[in-house]
């Protein structure tokens, strides 16, 4: 995806919900460099399926904003040459619509 390898970061968090269900969240970030003319690219997925649109448009009561706004607050706005990947895997996903284009994140 054209990132500067020294800037690449990856994190994986494994949790168990109050219901006893496991969940894995993976996040990756990379900067494309000063000379890059491309804007921010957000790649998302839920249970190994890529998101056609960003399904993390709302991040629950604790955050209030969606993923794009959370990145903006961290100086990773739409015009920045970065790549951000977010994948969530869990056995039970709560969607906000029938098209599965928006998930509930708590």
PDB file of N, CA and C in Angstrom:
ATOM      1  N   UNK A   1       0.816  -1.196   0.000  1.00  0.00           N
ATOM      2  CA  UNK A   1       0.000   0.000   0.000  1.00  0.00           C
ATOM      3  C   UNK A   1       0.856   1.254   0.000  1.00  0.00           C
ATOM      4  N   UNK A   2       2.156   1.078  -0.162  1.00  0.00           N
ATOM      5  CA  UNK A   2       3.025   2.227  -0.332  1.00  0.00           C
ATOM      6  C   UNK A   2       3.435   2.945   0.932  1.00  0.00           C
ATOM      7  N   UNK A   3       3.407   2.284   2.081  1.00  0.00           N
ATOM      8  CA  UNK A   3       3.776   2.962   3.320  1.00  0.00           C
ATOM      9  C   UNK A   3       5.279   2.877   3.551  1.00  0.00           C
ATOM     10  N   UNK A   4       5.788   3.836   4.292  1.00  0.00           N
ATOM     11  CA  UNK A   4       7.181   3.814   4.730  1.00  0.00           C
ATOM     12  C   UNK A   4       7.275   2.736   5.812  1.00  0.00           C
ATOM     13  N   UNK A   5       8.072   1.721   5.568  1.00  0.00           N
ATOM     14  CA  UNK A   5       8.081   0.560   6.473  1.00  0.00           C
ATOM     15  C   UNK A   5       8.454   0.910   7.909  1.00  0.00           C
ATOM     16  N   UNK A   6       9.284   1.920   8.113  1.00  0.00           N
ATOM     17  CA  UNK A   6       9.647   2.319   9.469  1.00  0.00           C
ATOM     18  C   UNK A   6       8.450   2.893  10.231  1.00  0.00           C
ATOM     19  N   UNK A   7       7.426   3.338   9.499  1.00  0.00           N
ATOM     20  CA  UNK A   7       6.246   3.914  10.148  1.00  0.00           C
ATOM     21  C   UNK A   7       5.163   2.877  10.415  1.00  0.00           C
ATOM     22  N   UNK A   8       5.298   1.694   9.849  1.00  0.00           N
ATOM     23  CA  UNK A   8       4.249   0.678   9.965  1.00  0.00           C
ATOM     24  C   UNK A   8       4.123   0.173  11.400  1.00  0.00           C
ATOM     25  N   UNK A   9       2.881   0.134  11.891  1.00  0.00           N
ATOM     26  CA  UNK A   9       2.600  -0.389  13.232  1.00  0.00           C
ATOM     27  C   UNK A   9       1.386  -1.307  13.158  1.00  0.00           C
ATOM     28  N   UNK A  10       1.422  -2.368  13.927  1.00  0.00           N
ATOM     29  CA  UNK A  10       0.316  -3.327  13.977  1.00  0.00           C
ATOM     30  C   UNK A  10       0.074  -3.707  15.427  1.00  0.00           C
ATOM     31  N   UNK A  11      -1.188  -3.776  15.806  1.00  0.00           N
ATOM     32  CA  UNK A  11      -1.563  -4.200  17.164  1.00  0.00           C
ATOM     33  C   UNK A  11      -2.743  -5.146  17.068  1.00  0.00           C
ATOM     34  N   UNK A  12      -2.750  -6.126  17.949  1.00  0.00           N
ATOM     35  CA  UNK A  12      -3.867  -7.058  18.058  1.00  0.00           C
ATOM     36  C   UNK A  12      -4.278  -7.122  19.523  1.00  0.00           C
ATOM     37  N   UNK A  13      -5.582  -6.994  19.765  1.00  0.00           N
ATOM     38  CA  UNK A  13      -6.110  -7.059  21.123  1.00  0.00           C
ATOM     39  C   UNK A  13      -7.134  -8.193  21.166  1.00  0.00           C
ATOM     40  N   UNK A  14      -6.932  -9.124  22.083  1.00  0.00           N
ATOM     41  CA  UNK A  14      -7.868 -10.233  22.287  1.00  0.00           C
ATOM     42  C   UNK A  14      -8.593  -9.996  23.602  1.00  0.00           C
ATOM     43  N   UNK A  15      -9.931 -10.046  23.545  1.00  0.00           N
ATOM     44  CA  UNK A  15     -10.736  -9.787  24.733  1.00  0.00           C
ATOM     45  C   UNK A  15     -11.847 -10.823  24.837  1.00  0.00           C
ATOM     46  N   UNK A  16     -12.455 -10.875  26.007  1.00  0.00           N
ATOM     47  CA  UNK A  16     -13.650 -11.672  26.223  1.00  0.00           C
ATOM     48  C   UNK A  16     -14.721 -10.734  26.759  1.00  0.00           C
ATOM     49  N   UNK A  17     -15.889 -10.738  26.107  1.00  0.00           N
ATOM     50  CA  UNK A  17     -16.960  -9.820  26.499  1.00  0.00           C
ATOM     51  C   UNK A  17     -17.600 -10.265  27.809  1.00  0.00           C
ATOM     52  N   UNK A  18     -18.494  -9.423  28.328  1.00  0.00           N
ATOM     53  CA  UNK A  18     -19.226  -9.776  29.548  1.00  0.00           C
ATOM     54  C   UNK A  18     -20.083 -11.021  29.347  1.00  0.00           C
ATOM     55  N   UNK A  19     -20.456 -11.274  28.088  1.00  0.00           N
ATOM     56  CA  UNK A  19     -21.239 -12.467  27.749  1.00  0.00           C
ATOM     57  C   UNK A  19     -20.370 -13.713  27.621  1.00  0.00           C
ATOM     58  N   UNK A  20     -19.060 -13.560  27.761  1.00  0.00           N
ATOM     59  CA  UNK A  20     -18.146 -14.689  27.635  1.00  0.00           C
ATOM     60  C   UNK A  20     -17.725 -14.990  26.207  1.00  0.00           C
ATOM     61  N   UNK A  21     -17.995 -14.066  25.274  1.00  0.00           N
ATOM     62  CA  UNK A  21     -17.643 -14.277  23.876  1.00  0.00           C
ATOM     63  C   UNK A  21     -16.285 -13.644  23.570  1.00  0.00           C
ATOM     64  N   UNK A  22     -15.450 -14.354  22.821  1.00  0.00           N
ATOM     65  CA  UNK A  22     -14.143 -13.799  22.468  1.00  0.00           C
ATOM     66  C   UNK A  22     -14.277 -12.769  21.351  1.00  0.00           C
ATOM     67  N   UNK A  23     -13.344 -11.846  21.322  1.00  0.00           N
ATOM     68  CA  UNK A  23     -13.282 -10.844  20.250  1.00  0.00           C
ATOM     69  C   UNK A  23     -11.820 -10.504  20.000  1.00  0.00           C
ATOM     70  N   UNK A  24     -11.491 -10.336  18.743  1.00  0.00           N
ATOM     71  CA  UNK A  24     -10.143  -9.940  18.346  1.00  0.00           C
ATOM     72  C   UNK A  24     -10.254  -8.664  17.527  1.00  0.00           C
ATOM     73  N   UNK A  25      -9.481  -7.655  17.905  1.00  0.00           N
ATOM     74  CA  UNK A  25      -9.425  -6.404  17.160  1.00  0.00           C
ATOM     75  C   UNK A  25      -8.001  -6.229  16.662  1.00  0.00           C
ATOM     76  N   UNK A  26      -7.869  -5.987  15.360  1.00  0.00           N
ATOM     77  CA  UNK A  26      -6.564  -5.767  14.752  1.00  0.00           C
ATOM     78  C   UNK A  26      -6.537  -4.369  14.140  1.00  0.00           C
ATOM     79  N   UNK A  27      -5.453  -3.663  14.377  1.00  0.00           N
ATOM     80  CA  UNK A  27      -5.284  -2.315  13.857  1.00  0.00           C
ATOM     81  C   UNK A  27      -3.892  -2.222  13.247  1.00  0.00           C
ATOM     82  N   UNK A  28      -3.815  -1.609  12.063  1.00  0.00           N
ATOM     83  CA  UNK A  28      -2.523  -1.362  11.417  1.00  0.00           C
ATOM     84  C   UNK A  28      -2.514   0.071  10.906  1.00  0.00           C
ATOM     85  N   UNK A  29      -1.328   0.662  10.918  1.00  0.00           N
ATOM     86  CA  UNK A  29      -1.158   2.056  10.514  1.00  0.00           C
ATOM     87  C   UNK A  29       0.138   2.185   9.744  1.00  0.00           C
ATOM     88  N   UNK A  30       0.131   3.014   8.723  1.00  0.00           N
ATOM     89  CA  UNK A  30       1.361   3.318   7.994  1.00  0.00           C
ATOM     90  C   UNK A  30       1.284   4.687   7.359  1.00  0.00           C
ATOM     91  N   UNK A  31       2.412   5.359   7.301  1.00  0.00           N
ATOM     92  CA  UNK A  31       2.531   6.689   6.693  1.00  0.00           C
ATOM     93  C   UNK A  31       3.148   6.510   5.320  1.00  0.00           C
ATOM     94  N   UNK A  32       2.628   7.203   4.327  1.00  0.00           N
ATOM     95  CA  UNK A  32       3.090   7.040   2.947  1.00  0.00           C
ATOM     96  C   UNK A  32       4.236   7.978   2.570  1.00  0.00           C
ATOM     97  N   UNK A  33       4.596   8.874   3.431  1.00  0.00           N
ATOM     98  CA  UNK A  33       5.736   9.752   3.174  1.00  0.00           C
ATOM     99  C   UNK A  33       5.343  11.124   2.680  1.00  0.00           C
ATOM    100  N   UNK A  34       6.298  12.054   2.790  1.00  0.00           N
ATOM    101  CA  UNK A  34       6.076  13.455   2.424  1.00  0.00           C
ATOM    102  C   UNK A  34       5.711  13.630   0.955  1.00  0.00           C
ATOM    103  N   UNK A  35       6.335  12.862   0.081  1.00  0.00           N
ATOM    104  CA  UNK A  35       6.133  13.051  -1.351  1.00  0.00           C
ATOM    105  C   UNK A  35       4.844  12.415  -1.877  1.00  0.00           C
ATOM    106  N   UNK A  36       4.143  11.688  -1.063  1.00  0.00           N
ATOM    107  CA  UNK A  36       2.910  11.020  -1.486  1.00  0.00           C
ATOM    108  C   UNK A  36       1.803  12.050  -1.718  1.00  0.00           C
ATOM    109  N   UNK A  37       1.102  11.903  -2.813  1.00  0.00           N
ATOM    110  CA  UNK A  37       0.001  12.795  -3.163  1.00  0.00           C
ATOM    111  C   UNK A  37      -1.357  12.194  -2.830  1.00  0.00           C
ATOM    112  N   UNK A  38      -1.369  10.957  -2.346  1.00  0.00           N
ATOM    113  CA  UNK A  38      -2.630  10.291  -2.035  1.00  0.00           C
ATOM    114  C   UNK A  38      -3.135  10.701  -0.659  1.00  0.00           C
ATOM    115  N   UNK A  39      -4.439  10.693  -0.519  1.00  0.00           N
ATOM    116  CA  UNK A  39      -5.061  11.023   0.761  1.00  0.00           C
ATOM    117  C   UNK A  39      -5.184   9.775   1.625  1.00  0.00           C
ATOM    118  N   UNK A  40      -5.685   9.978   2.824  1.00  0.00           N
ATOM    119  CA  UNK A  40      -5.879   8.896   3.789  1.00  0.00           C
ATOM    120  C   UNK A  40      -6.709   7.780   3.170  1.00  0.00           C
ATOM    121  N   UNK A  41      -6.311   6.560   3.479  1.00  0.00           N
ATOM    122  CA  UNK A  41      -7.078   5.394   3.059  1.00  0.00           C
ATOM    123  C   UNK A  41      -7.426   4.591   4.312  1.00  0.00           C
ATOM    124  N   UNK A  42      -8.716   4.341   4.499  1.00  0.00           N
ATOM    125  CA  UNK A  42      -9.188   3.545   5.624  1.00  0.00           C
ATOM    126  C   UNK A  42      -9.707   2.225   5.069  1.00  0.00           C
ATOM    127  N   UNK A  43      -9.177   1.132   5.571  1.00  0.00           N
ATOM    128  CA  UNK A  43      -9.615  -0.205   5.172  1.00  0.00           C
ATOM    129  C   UNK A  43     -10.210  -0.861   6.403  1.00  0.00           C
ATOM    130  N   UNK A  44     -11.447  -1.332   6.301  1.00  0.00           N
ATOM    131  CA  UNK A  44     -12.121  -1.919   7.457  1.00  0.00           C
ATOM    132  C   UNK A  44     -12.656  -3.297   7.112  1.00  0.00           C
ATOM    133  N   UNK A  45     -12.883  -4.081   8.155  1.00  0.00           N
ATOM    134  CA  UNK A  45     -13.481  -5.392   7.967  1.00  0.00           C
ATOM    135  C   UNK A  45     -14.072  -5.911   9.258  1.00  0.00           C
ATOM    136  N   UNK A  46     -15.075  -6.752   9.105  1.00  0.00           N
ATOM    137  CA  UNK A  46     -15.705  -7.419  10.235  1.00  0.00           C
ATOM    138  C   UNK A  46     -15.804  -8.899   9.885  1.00  0.00           C
ATOM    139  N   UNK A  47     -15.249  -9.733  10.755  1.00  0.00           N
ATOM    140  CA  UNK A  47     -15.260 -11.182  10.552  1.00  0.00           C
ATOM    141  C   UNK A  47     -14.747 -11.570   9.173  1.00  0.00           C
ATOM    142  N   UNK A  48     -13.598 -11.062   8.830  1.00  0.00           N
ATOM    143  CA  UNK A  48     -12.868 -11.378   7.603  1.00  0.00           C
ATOM    144  C   UNK A  48     -13.587 -10.965   6.332  1.00  0.00           C
ATOM    145  N   UNK A  49     -14.587 -10.097   6.444  1.00  0.00           N
ATOM    146  CA  UNK A  49     -15.274  -9.542   5.285  1.00  0.00           C
ATOM    147  C   UNK A  49     -14.939  -8.057   5.204  1.00  0.00           C
ATOM    148  N   UNK A  50     -14.458  -7.595   4.049  1.00  0.00           N
ATOM    149  CA  UNK A  50     -14.133  -6.167   3.932  1.00  0.00           C
ATOM    150  C   UNK A  50     -15.391  -5.316   3.951  1.00  0.00           C
ATOM    151  N   UNK A  51     -15.265  -4.129   4.493  1.00  0.00           N
ATOM    152  CA  UNK A  51     -16.378  -3.195   4.514  1.00  0.00           C
ATOM    153  C   UNK A  51     -16.458  -2.429   3.203  1.00  0.00           C
ATOM    154  N   UNK A  52     -17.620  -2.415   2.578  1.00  0.00           N
ATOM    155  CA  UNK A  52     -17.799  -1.632   1.362  1.00  0.00           C
ATOM    156  C   UNK A  52     -17.735  -0.154   1.715  1.00  0.00           C
ATOM    157  N   UNK A  53     -18.372   0.200   2.821  1.00  0.00           N
ATOM    158  CA  UNK A  53     -18.233   1.525   3.421  1.00  0.00           C
ATOM    159  C   UNK A  53     -17.704   1.297   4.833  1.00  0.00           C
ATOM    160  N   UNK A  54     -17.270   2.338   5.469  1.00  0.00           N
ATOM    161  CA  UNK A  54     -16.741   2.238   6.829  1.00  0.00           C
ATOM    162  C   UNK A  54     -17.864   1.856   7.797  1.00  0.00           C
ATOM    163  N   UNK A  55     -17.881   0.626   8.344  1.00  0.00           N
ATOM    164  CA  UNK A  55     -18.947   0.235   9.264  1.00  0.00           C
ATOM    165  C   UNK A  55     -18.773   0.808  10.669  1.00  0.00           C
ATOM    166  N   UNK A  56     -17.656   1.468  10.927  1.00  0.00           N
ATOM    167  CA  UNK A  56     -17.366   2.020  12.248  1.00  0.00           C
ATOM    168  C   UNK A  56     -17.636   3.528  12.270  1.00  0.00           C
ATOM    169  N   UNK A  57     -18.816   3.902  11.804  1.00  0.00           N
ATOM    170  CA  UNK A  57     -19.170   5.322  11.745  1.00  0.00           C
ATOM    171  C   UNK A  57     -19.588   5.859  13.107  1.00  0.00           C
ATOM    172  N   UNK A  58     -19.923   4.971  14.046  1.00  0.00           N
ATOM    173  CA  UNK A  58     -20.247   5.345  15.420  1.00  0.00           C
ATOM    174  C   UNK A  58     -19.478   4.414  16.332  1.00  0.00           C
ATOM    175  N   UNK A  59     -18.754   4.976  17.287  1.00  0.00           N
ATOM    176  CA  UNK A  59     -17.943   4.156  18.187  1.00  0.00           C
ATOM    177  C   UNK A  59     -18.516   4.084  19.592  1.00  0.00           C
ATOM    178  N   UNK A  60     -19.813   4.190  19.734  1.00  0.00           N
ATOM    179  CA  UNK A  60     -20.453   4.005  21.026  1.00  0.00           C
ATOM    180  C   UNK A  60     -20.437   5.242  21.892  1.00  0.00           C
ATOM    181  N   UNK A  61     -21.043   5.114  23.064  1.00  0.00           N
ATOM    182  CA  UNK A  61     -21.190   6.239  23.985  1.00  0.00           C
ATOM    183  C   UNK A  61     -19.865   6.723  24.550  1.00  0.00           C
ATOM    184  N   UNK A  62     -18.904   5.825  24.668  1.00  0.00           N
ATOM    185  CA  UNK A  62     -17.624   6.212  25.261  1.00  0.00           C
ATOM    186  C   UNK A  62     -16.867   7.200  24.378  1.00  0.00           C
ATOM    187  N   UNK A  63     -17.088   7.140  23.060  1.00  0.00           N
ATOM    188  CA  UNK A  63     -16.336   7.989  22.147  1.00  0.00           C
ATOM    189  C   UNK A  63     -17.223   9.004  21.445  1.00  0.00           C
ATOM    190  N   UNK A  64     -18.431   8.606  21.088  1.00  0.00           N
ATOM    191  CA  UNK A  64     -19.371   9.506  20.441  1.00  0.00           C
ATOM    192  C   UNK A  64     -19.156   9.675  18.952  1.00  0.00           C
ATOM    193  N   UNK A  65     -17.918   9.735  18.507  1.00  0.00           N
ATOM    194  CA  UNK A  65     -17.610   9.944  17.106  1.00  0.00           C
ATOM    195  C   UNK A  65     -17.377   8.611  16.407  1.00  0.00           C
ATOM    196  N   UNK A  66     -17.291   8.667  15.110  1.00  0.00           N
ATOM    197  CA  UNK A  66     -16.939   7.498  14.330  1.00  0.00           C
ATOM    198  C   UNK A  66     -15.439   7.389  14.156  1.00  0.00           C
ATOM    199  N   UNK A  67     -15.025   6.382  13.421  1.00  0.00           N
ATOM    200  CA  UNK A  67     -13.604   6.132  13.191  1.00  0.00           C
ATOM    201  C   UNK A  67     -12.938   7.303  12.480  1.00  0.00           C
ATOM    202  N   UNK A  68     -13.570   7.835  11.451  1.00  0.00           N
ATOM    203  CA  UNK A  68     -12.969   8.944  10.705  1.00  0.00           C
ATOM    204  C   UNK A  68     -12.740  10.160  11.601  1.00  0.00           C
ATOM    205  N   UNK A  69     -13.702  10.486  12.448  1.00  0.00           N
ATOM    206  CA  UNK A  69     -13.553  11.630  13.357  1.00  0.00           C
ATOM    207  C   UNK A  69     -12.479  11.356  14.405  1.00  0.00           C
ATOM    208  N   UNK A  70     -12.397  10.125  14.892  1.00  0.00           N
ATOM    209  CA  UNK A  70     -11.366   9.776  15.872  1.00  0.00           C
ATOM    210  C   UNK A  70      -9.975   9.926  15.263  1.00  0.00           C
ATOM    211  N   UNK A  71      -9.813   9.536  14.004  1.00  0.00           N
ATOM    212  CA  UNK A  71      -8.520   9.720  13.336  1.00  0.00           C
ATOM    213  C   UNK A  71      -8.209  11.194  13.134  1.00  0.00           C
ATOM    214  N   UNK A  72      -9.222  11.960  12.769  1.00  0.00           N
ATOM    215  CA  UNK A  72      -9.052  13.403  12.565  1.00  0.00           C
ATOM    216  C   UNK A  72      -8.528  14.075  13.837  1.00  0.00           C
ATOM    217  N   UNK A  73      -9.062  13.689  14.982  1.00  0.00           N
ATOM    218  CA  UNK A  73      -8.631  14.257  16.263  1.00  0.00           C
ATOM    219  C   UNK A  73      -7.187  13.901  16.588  1.00  0.00           C
ATOM    220  N   UNK A  74      -6.677  12.850  15.971  1.00  0.00           N
ATOM    221  CA  UNK A  74      -5.299  12.408  16.215  1.00  0.00           C
ATOM    222  C   UNK A  74      -4.372  12.820  15.073  1.00  0.00           C
ATOM    223  N   UNK A  75      -4.737  13.901  14.370  1.00  0.00           N
ATOM    224  CA  UNK A  75      -3.939  14.474  13.295  1.00  0.00           C
ATOM    225  C   UNK A  75      -3.715  13.492  12.148  1.00  0.00           C
ATOM    226  N   UNK A  76      -4.690  12.636  11.908  1.00  0.00           N
ATOM    227  CA  UNK A  76      -4.653  11.698  10.791  1.00  0.00           C
ATOM    228  C   UNK A  76      -5.893  11.939   9.938  1.00  0.00           C
ATOM    229  N   UNK A  77      -6.076  13.195   9.529  1.00  0.00           N
ATOM    230  CA  UNK A  77      -7.263  13.604   8.789  1.00  0.00           C
ATOM    231  C   UNK A  77      -7.313  13.075   7.373  1.00  0.00           C
ATOM    232  N   UNK A  78      -8.381  13.425   6.686  1.00  0.00           N
ATOM    233  CA  UNK A  78      -8.649  12.917   5.342  1.00  0.00           C
ATOM    234  C   UNK A  78      -7.572  13.291   4.326  1.00  0.00           C
ATOM    235  N   UNK A  79      -6.855  14.374   4.549  1.00  0.00           N
ATOM    236  CA  UNK A  79      -5.829  14.810   3.597  1.00  0.00           C
ATOM    237  C   UNK A  79      -4.441  14.259   3.897  1.00  0.00           C
ATOM    238  N   UNK A  80      -4.298  13.514   4.963  1.00  0.00           N
ATOM    239  CA  UNK A  80      -2.980  12.986   5.345  1.00  0.00           C
ATOM    240  C   UNK A  80      -2.659  11.727   4.536  1.00  0.00           C
ATOM    241  N   UNK A  81      -1.391  11.541   4.172  1.00  0.00           N
ATOM    242  CA  UNK A  81      -0.994  10.364   3.389  1.00  0.00           C
ATOM    243  C   UNK A  81      -0.750   9.135   4.275  1.00  0.00           C
ATOM    244  N   UNK A  82      -1.834   8.607   4.833  1.00  0.00           N
ATOM    245  CA  UNK A  82      -1.706   7.449   5.719  1.00  0.00           C
ATOM    246  C   UNK A  82      -2.610   6.324   5.233  1.00  0.00           C
ATOM    247  N   UNK A  83      -2.330   5.141   5.744  1.00  0.00           N
ATOM    248  CA  UNK A  83      -3.199   3.983   5.566  1.00  0.00           C
ATOM    249  C   UNK A  83      -3.549   3.499   6.960  1.00  0.00           C
ATOM    250  N   UNK A  84      -4.833   3.277   7.217  1.00  0.00           N
ATOM    251  CA  UNK A  84      -5.294   2.795   8.514  1.00  0.00           C
ATOM    252  C   UNK A  84      -6.193   1.589   8.272  1.00  0.00           C
ATOM    253  N   UNK A  85      -5.895   0.489   8.923  1.00  0.00           N
ATOM    254  CA  UNK A  85      -6.690  -0.725   8.779  1.00  0.00           C
ATOM    255  C   UNK A  85      -7.278  -1.108  10.128  1.00  0.00           C
ATOM    256  N   UNK A  86      -8.541  -1.511  10.125  1.00  0.00           N
ATOM    257  CA  UNK A  86      -9.225  -1.950  11.340  1.00  0.00           C
ATOM    258  C   UNK A  86     -10.047  -3.185  11.017  1.00  0.00           C
ATOM    259  N   UNK A  87      -9.811  -4.254  11.758  1.00  0.00           N
ATOM    260  CA  UNK A  87     -10.554  -5.497  11.578  1.00  0.00           C
ATOM    261  C   UNK A  87     -11.019  -5.985  12.940  1.00  0.00           C
ATOM    262  N   UNK A  88     -12.295  -6.367  13.022  1.00  0.00           N
ATOM    263  CA  UNK A  88     -12.860  -6.915  14.252  1.00  0.00           C
ATOM    264  C   UNK A  88     -13.436  -8.289  13.936  1.00  0.00           C
ATOM    265  N   UNK A  89     -13.069  -9.263  14.745  1.00  0.00           N
ATOM    266  CA  UNK A  89     -13.604 -10.621  14.594  1.00  0.00           C
ATOM    267  C   UNK A  89     -14.245 -11.050  15.900  1.00  0.00           C
ATOM    268  N   UNK A  90     -15.503 -11.434  15.842  1.00  0.00           N
ATOM    269  CA  UNK A  90     -16.207 -11.925  17.020  1.00  0.00           C
ATOM    270  C   UNK A  90     -17.399 -12.773  16.558  1.00  0.00           C
ATOM    271  N   UNK A  91     -17.847 -13.688  17.398  1.00  0.00           N
ATOM    272  CA  UNK A  91     -18.927 -14.589  16.981  1.00  0.00           C
ATOM    273  C   UNK A  91     -20.294 -13.934  16.866  1.00  0.00           C
ATOM    274  N   UNK A  92     -20.505 -12.824  17.528  1.00  0.00           N
ATOM    275  CA  UNK A  92     -21.799 -12.146  17.463  1.00  0.00           C
ATOM    276  C   UNK A  92     -21.570 -10.666  17.183  1.00  0.00           C
ATOM    277  N   UNK A  93     -22.033 -10.214  16.030  1.00  0.00           N
ATOM    278  CA  UNK A  93     -21.885  -8.818  15.624  1.00  0.00           C
ATOM    279  C   UNK A  93     -23.267  -8.182  15.598  1.00  0.00           C
ATOM    280  N   UNK A  94     -23.384  -7.020  16.227  1.00  0.00           N
ATOM    281  CA  UNK A  94     -24.650  -6.278  16.204  1.00  0.00           C
ATOM    282  C   UNK A  94     -24.562  -5.198  15.136  1.00  0.00           C
ATOM    283  N   UNK A  95     -25.374  -5.364  14.104  1.00  0.00           N
ATOM    284  CA  UNK A  95     -25.422  -4.378  13.021  1.00  0.00           C
ATOM    285  C   UNK A  95     -26.547  -3.398  13.262  1.00  0.00           C
ATOM    286  N   UNK A  96     -26.382  -2.181  12.765  1.00  0.00           N
ATOM    287  CA  UNK A  96     -27.397  -1.145  12.919  1.00  0.00           C
ATOM    288  C   UNK A  96     -28.385  -1.107  11.766  1.00  0.00           C
ATOM    289  N   UNK A  97     -28.071  -1.822  10.685  1.00  0.00           N
ATOM    290  CA  UNK A  97     -28.967  -1.826   9.536  1.00  0.00           C
ATOM    291  C   UNK A  97     -28.962  -3.201   8.869  1.00  0.00           C
ATOM    292  N   UNK A  98     -29.944  -3.427   8.038  1.00  0.00           N
ATOM    293  CA  UNK A  98     -30.082  -4.722   7.371  1.00  0.00           C
ATOM    294  C   UNK A  98     -28.993  -4.958   6.334  1.00  0.00           C
ATOM    295  N   UNK A  99     -28.397  -3.912   5.830  1.00  0.00           N
ATOM    296  CA  UNK A  99     -27.350  -4.039   4.827  1.00  0.00           C
ATOM    297  C   UNK A  99     -25.975  -4.325   5.420  1.00  0.00           C
ATOM    298  N   UNK A 100     -25.899  -4.424   6.741  1.00  0.00           N
ATOM    299  CA  UNK A 100     -24.653  -4.684   7.465  1.00  0.00           C
ATOM    300  C   UNK A 100     -23.562  -3.668   7.127  1.00  0.00           C
ATOM    301  N   UNK A 101     -23.981  -2.410   6.991  1.00  0.00           N
ATOM    302  CA  UNK A 101     -23.007  -1.367   6.656  1.00  0.00           C
ATOM    303  C   UNK A 101     -22.570  -0.563   7.873  1.00  0.00           C
ATOM    304  N   UNK A 102     -23.147  -0.842   9.048  1.00  0.00           N
ATOM    305  CA  UNK A 102     -22.789  -0.121  10.257  1.00  0.00           C
ATOM    306  C   UNK A 102     -22.932  -1.061  11.450  1.00  0.00           C
ATOM    307  N   UNK A 103     -21.883  -1.135  12.268  1.00  0.00           N
ATOM    308  CA  UNK A 103     -21.892  -2.027  13.415  1.00  0.00           C
ATOM    309  C   UNK A 103     -21.962  -1.244  14.718  1.00  0.00           C
ATOM    310  N   UNK A 104     -22.416  -1.936  15.770  1.00  0.00           N
ATOM    311  CA  UNK A 104     -22.451  -1.362  17.102  1.00  0.00           C
ATOM    312  C   UNK A 104     -21.114  -1.685  17.766  1.00  0.00           C
ATOM    313  N   UNK A 105     -20.418  -0.660  18.211  1.00  0.00           N
ATOM    314  CA  UNK A 105     -19.154  -0.833  18.928  1.00  0.00           C
ATOM    315  C   UNK A 105     -19.353  -0.270  20.312  1.00  0.00           C
ATOM    316  N   UNK A 106     -19.147  -1.108  21.332  1.00  0.00           N
ATOM    317  CA  UNK A 106     -19.344  -0.653  22.715  1.00  0.00           C
ATOM    318  C   UNK A 106     -18.082  -0.787  23.504  1.00  0.00           C
TER     319      UNK A 106
END
